[in-house]
């Protein structure tokens, strides 16, 4: 989930779609102690909430895929899905949620 901020901090800082996208793929914001750079994404889904243009969301996700193509398998076509809900969460102007299926999860099972 992005933005990850303290309870009162979000009222002082506006976030953008590029910033939310960057936060979604930041290893520090993952719920599992696994670095996706040590694996490859088989599939992933990004859900944005708030007044966001779908074109901007798709452009940002395409940029992430193009810049980090080595972290996405090439043998599953269209393996990144995006969705948009125009109703923002209470107290925020926009947010995003990321769910990814990465081979990096194997790090947790090797410990």
N, C-alpha and C. Protein backbone atom coordinates (compact mmCIF):
# COMPACT_ATOMS: atom_id res chain seq x y z
N UNK A 1 0.85 -1.17 0.00
CA UNK A 1 0.00 0.00 0.00
C UNK A 1 0.88 1.22 0.00
N UNK A 2 0.56 2.20 -0.80
CA UNK A 2 1.30 3.46 -0.84
C UNK A 2 0.28 4.59 -0.84
N UNK A 3 0.51 5.68 -0.26
CA UNK A 3 1.75 6.10 0.43
C UNK A 3 1.81 5.57 1.85
N UNK A 4 2.99 5.17 2.25
CA UNK A 4 3.22 4.75 3.63
C UNK A 4 3.70 5.98 4.40
N UNK A 5 2.82 6.55 5.19
CA UNK A 5 3.14 7.75 5.96
C UNK A 5 2.53 7.63 7.34
N UNK A 6 2.99 8.49 8.21
CA UNK A 6 2.39 8.51 9.54
C UNK A 6 1.01 9.13 9.46
N UNK A 7 0.22 8.94 10.48
CA UNK A 7 -1.19 9.32 10.47
C UNK A 7 -1.42 10.78 10.07
N UNK A 8 -0.67 11.73 10.59
CA UNK A 8 -0.91 13.14 10.31
C UNK A 8 -0.10 13.71 9.16
N UNK A 9 0.88 12.99 8.68
CA UNK A 9 1.80 13.54 7.69
C UNK A 9 1.18 13.71 6.31
N UNK A 10 0.21 12.89 5.94
CA UNK A 10 -0.31 12.95 4.58
C UNK A 10 -1.02 14.26 4.27
N UNK A 11 -1.47 14.99 5.26
CA UNK A 11 -2.16 16.25 5.00
C UNK A 11 -1.18 17.35 4.60
N UNK A 12 0.12 17.14 4.79
CA UNK A 12 1.10 18.16 4.47
C UNK A 12 1.81 17.89 3.15
N UNK A 13 1.54 16.78 2.53
CA UNK A 13 2.33 16.39 1.37
C UNK A 13 1.43 15.76 0.30
N UNK A 14 1.47 16.32 -0.90
CA UNK A 14 0.69 15.76 -2.01
C UNK A 14 1.53 14.67 -2.68
N UNK A 15 0.88 13.61 -3.10
CA UNK A 15 1.58 12.55 -3.82
C UNK A 15 1.09 12.53 -5.26
N UNK A 16 1.91 11.97 -6.12
CA UNK A 16 1.57 11.88 -7.54
C UNK A 16 1.60 10.42 -7.97
N UNK A 17 1.10 10.15 -9.15
CA UNK A 17 1.10 8.78 -9.68
C UNK A 17 2.53 8.26 -9.84
N UNK A 18 3.48 9.05 -10.38
CA UNK A 18 4.85 8.53 -10.45
C UNK A 18 5.44 8.20 -9.09
N UNK A 19 5.13 9.02 -8.09
CA UNK A 19 5.65 8.76 -6.75
C UNK A 19 5.02 7.51 -6.14
N UNK A 20 3.72 7.34 -6.31
CA UNK A 20 3.05 6.13 -5.81
C UNK A 20 3.62 4.89 -6.49
N UNK A 21 3.85 4.98 -7.79
CA UNK A 21 4.39 3.84 -8.53
C UNK A 21 5.79 3.49 -8.02
N UNK A 22 6.60 4.51 -7.80
CA UNK A 22 7.95 4.28 -7.28
C UNK A 22 7.88 3.63 -5.91
N UNK A 23 6.97 4.10 -5.06
CA UNK A 23 6.83 3.54 -3.72
C UNK A 23 6.36 2.09 -3.76
N UNK A 24 5.49 1.76 -4.72
CA UNK A 24 4.99 0.38 -4.81
C UNK A 24 6.10 -0.61 -5.07
N UNK A 25 7.08 -0.22 -5.90
CA UNK A 25 8.15 -1.14 -6.27
C UNK A 25 9.39 -0.99 -5.38
N UNK A 26 9.33 -0.15 -4.37
CA UNK A 26 10.46 0.05 -3.47
C UNK A 26 10.56 -1.15 -2.52
N UNK A 27 11.70 -1.83 -2.48
CA UNK A 27 11.85 -3.02 -1.61
C UNK A 27 11.57 -2.72 -0.14
N UNK A 28 11.79 -1.48 0.31
CA UNK A 28 11.53 -1.13 1.71
C UNK A 28 10.05 -1.17 2.05
N UNK A 29 9.19 -1.07 1.04
CA UNK A 29 7.75 -1.04 1.26
C UNK A 29 7.07 -2.39 1.07
N UNK A 30 7.83 -3.43 0.79
CA UNK A 30 7.25 -4.75 0.60
C UNK A 30 6.90 -5.36 1.95
N UNK A 31 5.85 -6.16 1.99
CA UNK A 31 5.42 -6.76 3.25
C UNK A 31 6.21 -8.02 3.58
N UNK A 32 6.90 -8.58 2.62
CA UNK A 32 7.77 -9.73 2.86
C UNK A 32 9.22 -9.24 2.82
N UNK A 33 10.05 -9.77 3.69
CA UNK A 33 11.46 -9.37 3.75
C UNK A 33 12.22 -10.03 2.61
N UNK A 34 11.88 -9.63 1.41
CA UNK A 34 12.47 -10.21 0.22
C UNK A 34 12.70 -9.09 -0.78
N UNK A 35 13.83 -9.09 -1.43
CA UNK A 35 14.16 -8.04 -2.41
C UNK A 35 13.82 -8.54 -3.80
N UNK A 36 12.86 -7.88 -4.45
CA UNK A 36 12.42 -8.33 -5.77
C UNK A 36 13.54 -8.30 -6.79
N UNK A 37 14.59 -7.56 -6.53
CA UNK A 37 15.71 -7.50 -7.49
C UNK A 37 16.48 -8.81 -7.53
N UNK A 38 16.21 -9.70 -6.57
CA UNK A 38 16.84 -11.03 -6.55
C UNK A 38 15.97 -12.08 -7.24
N UNK A 39 14.92 -11.66 -7.91
CA UNK A 39 14.03 -12.59 -8.59
C UNK A 39 13.39 -11.90 -9.79
N UNK A 40 12.35 -12.53 -10.31
CA UNK A 40 11.64 -11.97 -11.45
C UNK A 40 10.14 -12.07 -11.18
N UNK A 41 9.43 -11.03 -11.61
CA UNK A 41 7.98 -11.03 -11.46
C UNK A 41 7.34 -11.91 -12.53
N UNK A 42 6.51 -12.84 -12.09
CA UNK A 42 5.71 -13.61 -13.04
C UNK A 42 4.50 -12.78 -13.43
N UNK A 43 3.81 -12.25 -12.45
CA UNK A 43 2.65 -11.37 -12.68
C UNK A 43 2.61 -10.35 -11.56
N UNK A 44 1.91 -9.25 -11.83
CA UNK A 44 1.66 -8.27 -10.77
C UNK A 44 0.44 -7.45 -11.12
N UNK A 45 -0.12 -6.86 -10.08
CA UNK A 45 -1.32 -6.04 -10.22
C UNK A 45 -1.14 -4.77 -9.41
N UNK A 46 -1.53 -3.64 -9.99
CA UNK A 46 -1.46 -2.36 -9.31
C UNK A 46 -2.85 -1.75 -9.33
N UNK A 47 -3.35 -1.42 -8.16
CA UNK A 47 -4.68 -0.84 -8.03
C UNK A 47 -4.52 0.58 -7.48
N UNK A 48 -5.01 1.55 -8.21
CA UNK A 48 -4.94 2.95 -7.80
C UNK A 48 -6.33 3.42 -7.39
N UNK A 49 -6.37 4.25 -6.35
CA UNK A 49 -7.64 4.83 -5.89
C UNK A 49 -7.50 6.34 -5.83
N UNK A 50 -8.55 7.03 -6.29
CA UNK A 50 -8.58 8.49 -6.24
C UNK A 50 -8.78 9.08 -7.62
N UNK A 51 -8.67 10.40 -7.70
CA UNK A 51 -8.84 11.09 -8.98
C UNK A 51 -7.54 11.00 -9.76
N UNK A 52 -7.44 9.94 -10.53
CA UNK A 52 -6.24 9.62 -11.28
C UNK A 52 -6.65 9.30 -12.71
N UNK A 53 -5.86 9.76 -13.67
CA UNK A 53 -6.12 9.44 -15.07
C UNK A 53 -5.56 8.05 -15.38
N UNK A 54 -6.38 7.20 -15.98
CA UNK A 54 -5.94 5.84 -16.30
C UNK A 54 -4.75 5.86 -17.25
N UNK A 55 -4.70 6.82 -18.14
CA UNK A 55 -3.57 6.92 -19.06
C UNK A 55 -2.26 7.14 -18.30
N UNK A 56 -2.31 7.99 -17.27
CA UNK A 56 -1.12 8.24 -16.47
C UNK A 56 -0.68 6.97 -15.73
N UNK A 57 -1.63 6.23 -15.20
CA UNK A 57 -1.33 4.96 -14.52
C UNK A 57 -0.68 3.99 -15.50
N UNK A 58 -1.28 3.81 -16.65
CA UNK A 58 -0.75 2.87 -17.64
C UNK A 58 0.63 3.29 -18.13
N UNK A 59 0.82 4.61 -18.33
CA UNK A 59 2.13 5.10 -18.76
C UNK A 59 3.20 4.81 -17.70
N UNK A 60 2.86 5.05 -16.44
CA UNK A 60 3.83 4.81 -15.37
C UNK A 60 4.17 3.33 -15.25
N UNK A 61 3.17 2.47 -15.32
CA UNK A 61 3.43 1.04 -15.22
C UNK A 61 4.23 0.55 -16.43
N UNK A 62 3.96 1.08 -17.61
CA UNK A 62 4.72 0.73 -18.80
C UNK A 62 6.18 1.18 -18.63
N UNK A 63 6.39 2.38 -18.07
CA UNK A 63 7.75 2.87 -17.83
C UNK A 63 8.51 1.96 -16.88
N UNK A 64 7.84 1.54 -15.81
CA UNK A 64 8.48 0.64 -14.84
C UNK A 64 8.87 -0.67 -15.53
N UNK A 65 7.96 -1.20 -16.33
CA UNK A 65 8.25 -2.46 -17.03
C UNK A 65 9.40 -2.30 -18.02
N UNK A 66 9.41 -1.20 -18.75
CA UNK A 66 10.47 -0.99 -19.74
C UNK A 66 11.82 -0.75 -19.08
N UNK A 67 11.86 0.05 -18.01
CA UNK A 67 13.12 0.35 -17.33
C UNK A 67 13.66 -0.85 -16.56
N UNK A 68 12.78 -1.72 -16.11
CA UNK A 68 13.17 -2.88 -15.30
C UNK A 68 12.79 -4.18 -15.97
N UNK A 69 12.94 -4.26 -17.27
CA UNK A 69 12.49 -5.44 -18.02
C UNK A 69 13.16 -6.72 -17.56
N UNK A 70 14.35 -6.62 -17.01
CA UNK A 70 15.04 -7.83 -16.56
C UNK A 70 14.38 -8.43 -15.32
N UNK A 71 13.51 -7.68 -14.64
CA UNK A 71 12.81 -8.17 -13.45
C UNK A 71 11.43 -8.74 -13.75
N UNK A 72 11.06 -8.81 -15.02
CA UNK A 72 9.77 -9.36 -15.44
C UNK A 72 10.04 -10.49 -16.43
N UNK A 73 9.35 -11.62 -16.25
CA UNK A 73 9.54 -12.72 -17.20
C UNK A 73 8.98 -12.32 -18.56
N UNK A 74 9.62 -12.76 -19.60
CA UNK A 74 9.18 -12.39 -20.95
C UNK A 74 8.21 -13.40 -21.54
N UNK A 75 8.11 -14.57 -20.93
CA UNK A 75 7.29 -15.64 -21.51
C UNK A 75 5.84 -15.61 -21.04
N UNK A 76 5.45 -14.64 -20.22
CA UNK A 76 4.04 -14.45 -19.88
C UNK A 76 3.63 -13.10 -20.44
N UNK A 77 2.86 -13.08 -21.51
CA UNK A 77 2.46 -11.80 -22.08
C UNK A 77 1.43 -11.09 -21.19
N UNK A 78 1.47 -9.77 -21.23
CA UNK A 78 0.52 -8.95 -20.47
C UNK A 78 0.45 -9.35 -19.00
N UNK A 79 1.61 -9.46 -18.38
CA UNK A 79 1.65 -9.94 -17.00
C UNK A 79 1.54 -8.84 -15.94
N UNK A 80 1.28 -7.61 -16.37
CA UNK A 80 1.05 -6.51 -15.44
C UNK A 80 -0.37 -6.00 -15.66
N UNK A 81 -1.16 -6.02 -14.59
CA UNK A 81 -2.54 -5.56 -14.68
C UNK A 81 -2.69 -4.30 -13.83
N UNK A 82 -3.46 -3.35 -14.34
CA UNK A 82 -3.74 -2.14 -13.59
C UNK A 82 -5.24 -1.98 -13.44
N UNK A 83 -5.64 -1.36 -12.34
CA UNK A 83 -7.05 -1.09 -12.10
C UNK A 83 -7.16 0.28 -11.43
N UNK A 84 -8.31 0.88 -11.58
CA UNK A 84 -8.54 2.21 -11.03
C UNK A 84 -9.92 2.27 -10.40
N UNK A 85 -9.96 2.77 -9.17
CA UNK A 85 -11.21 3.05 -8.48
C UNK A 85 -11.21 4.55 -8.23
N UNK A 86 -12.19 5.26 -8.74
CA UNK A 86 -12.17 6.72 -8.67
C UNK A 86 -12.48 7.26 -7.27
N UNK A 87 -12.91 6.41 -6.36
CA UNK A 87 -13.22 6.86 -4.99
C UNK A 87 -11.96 6.70 -4.14
N UNK A 88 -11.42 7.81 -3.62
CA UNK A 88 -10.19 7.70 -2.81
C UNK A 88 -10.49 7.14 -1.43
N UNK A 89 -9.47 6.57 -0.77
CA UNK A 89 -9.68 6.12 0.60
C UNK A 89 -9.91 7.33 1.51
N UNK A 90 -10.59 7.11 2.59
CA UNK A 90 -10.91 8.21 3.51
C UNK A 90 -9.62 8.85 4.05
N UNK A 91 -9.56 10.15 3.94
CA UNK A 91 -8.41 10.89 4.46
C UNK A 91 -7.27 11.06 3.48
N UNK A 92 -7.35 10.45 2.30
CA UNK A 92 -6.29 10.58 1.30
C UNK A 92 -6.88 11.04 -0.03
N UNK A 93 -6.05 11.70 -0.85
CA UNK A 93 -6.51 12.09 -2.18
C UNK A 93 -6.33 10.96 -3.17
N UNK A 94 -5.28 10.17 -2.96
CA UNK A 94 -5.05 9.00 -3.82
C UNK A 94 -4.17 8.01 -3.09
N UNK A 95 -4.26 6.76 -3.53
CA UNK A 95 -3.42 5.71 -2.95
C UNK A 95 -3.25 4.61 -3.99
N UNK A 96 -2.38 3.67 -3.68
CA UNK A 96 -2.19 2.53 -4.58
C UNK A 96 -1.88 1.29 -3.75
N UNK A 97 -2.20 0.16 -4.34
CA UNK A 97 -1.92 -1.14 -3.74
C UNK A 97 -1.25 -2.00 -4.80
N UNK A 98 -0.25 -2.75 -4.40
CA UNK A 98 0.51 -3.57 -5.33
C UNK A 98 0.52 -5.01 -4.83
N UNK A 99 0.24 -5.94 -5.72
CA UNK A 99 0.35 -7.37 -5.41
C UNK A 99 1.21 -7.97 -6.51
N UNK A 100 2.30 -8.60 -6.11
CA UNK A 100 3.21 -9.16 -7.11
C UNK A 100 3.55 -10.60 -6.80
N UNK A 101 3.68 -11.39 -7.84
CA UNK A 101 4.08 -12.79 -7.72
C UNK A 101 5.51 -12.88 -8.27
N UNK A 102 6.47 -12.90 -7.36
CA UNK A 102 7.87 -12.86 -7.75
C UNK A 102 8.60 -14.12 -7.29
N UNK A 103 9.57 -14.52 -8.08
CA UNK A 103 10.39 -15.66 -7.69
C UNK A 103 11.32 -15.32 -6.53
N UNK A 104 11.43 -14.05 -6.18
CA UNK A 104 12.27 -13.62 -5.06
C UNK A 104 11.76 -14.14 -3.72
N UNK A 105 10.53 -14.56 -3.67
CA UNK A 105 9.94 -15.07 -2.42
C UNK A 105 10.69 -16.32 -1.93
N UNK A 106 11.38 -16.99 -2.83
CA UNK A 106 12.13 -18.18 -2.44
C UNK A 106 13.18 -17.88 -1.37
N UNK A 107 13.62 -16.62 -1.29
CA UNK A 107 14.58 -16.24 -0.25
C UNK A 107 14.04 -16.55 1.15
N UNK A 108 12.75 -16.31 1.34
CA UNK A 108 12.14 -16.55 2.65
C UNK A 108 12.13 -18.02 3.02
N UNK A 109 11.94 -18.87 2.04
CA UNK A 109 11.86 -20.30 2.31
C UNK A 109 13.23 -20.95 2.49
N UNK A 110 14.27 -20.28 2.02
CA UNK A 110 15.62 -20.81 2.17
C UNK A 110 16.20 -20.52 3.54
N UNK A 111 15.59 -19.57 4.28
CA UNK A 111 16.12 -19.18 5.60
C UNK A 111 15.84 -20.23 6.65
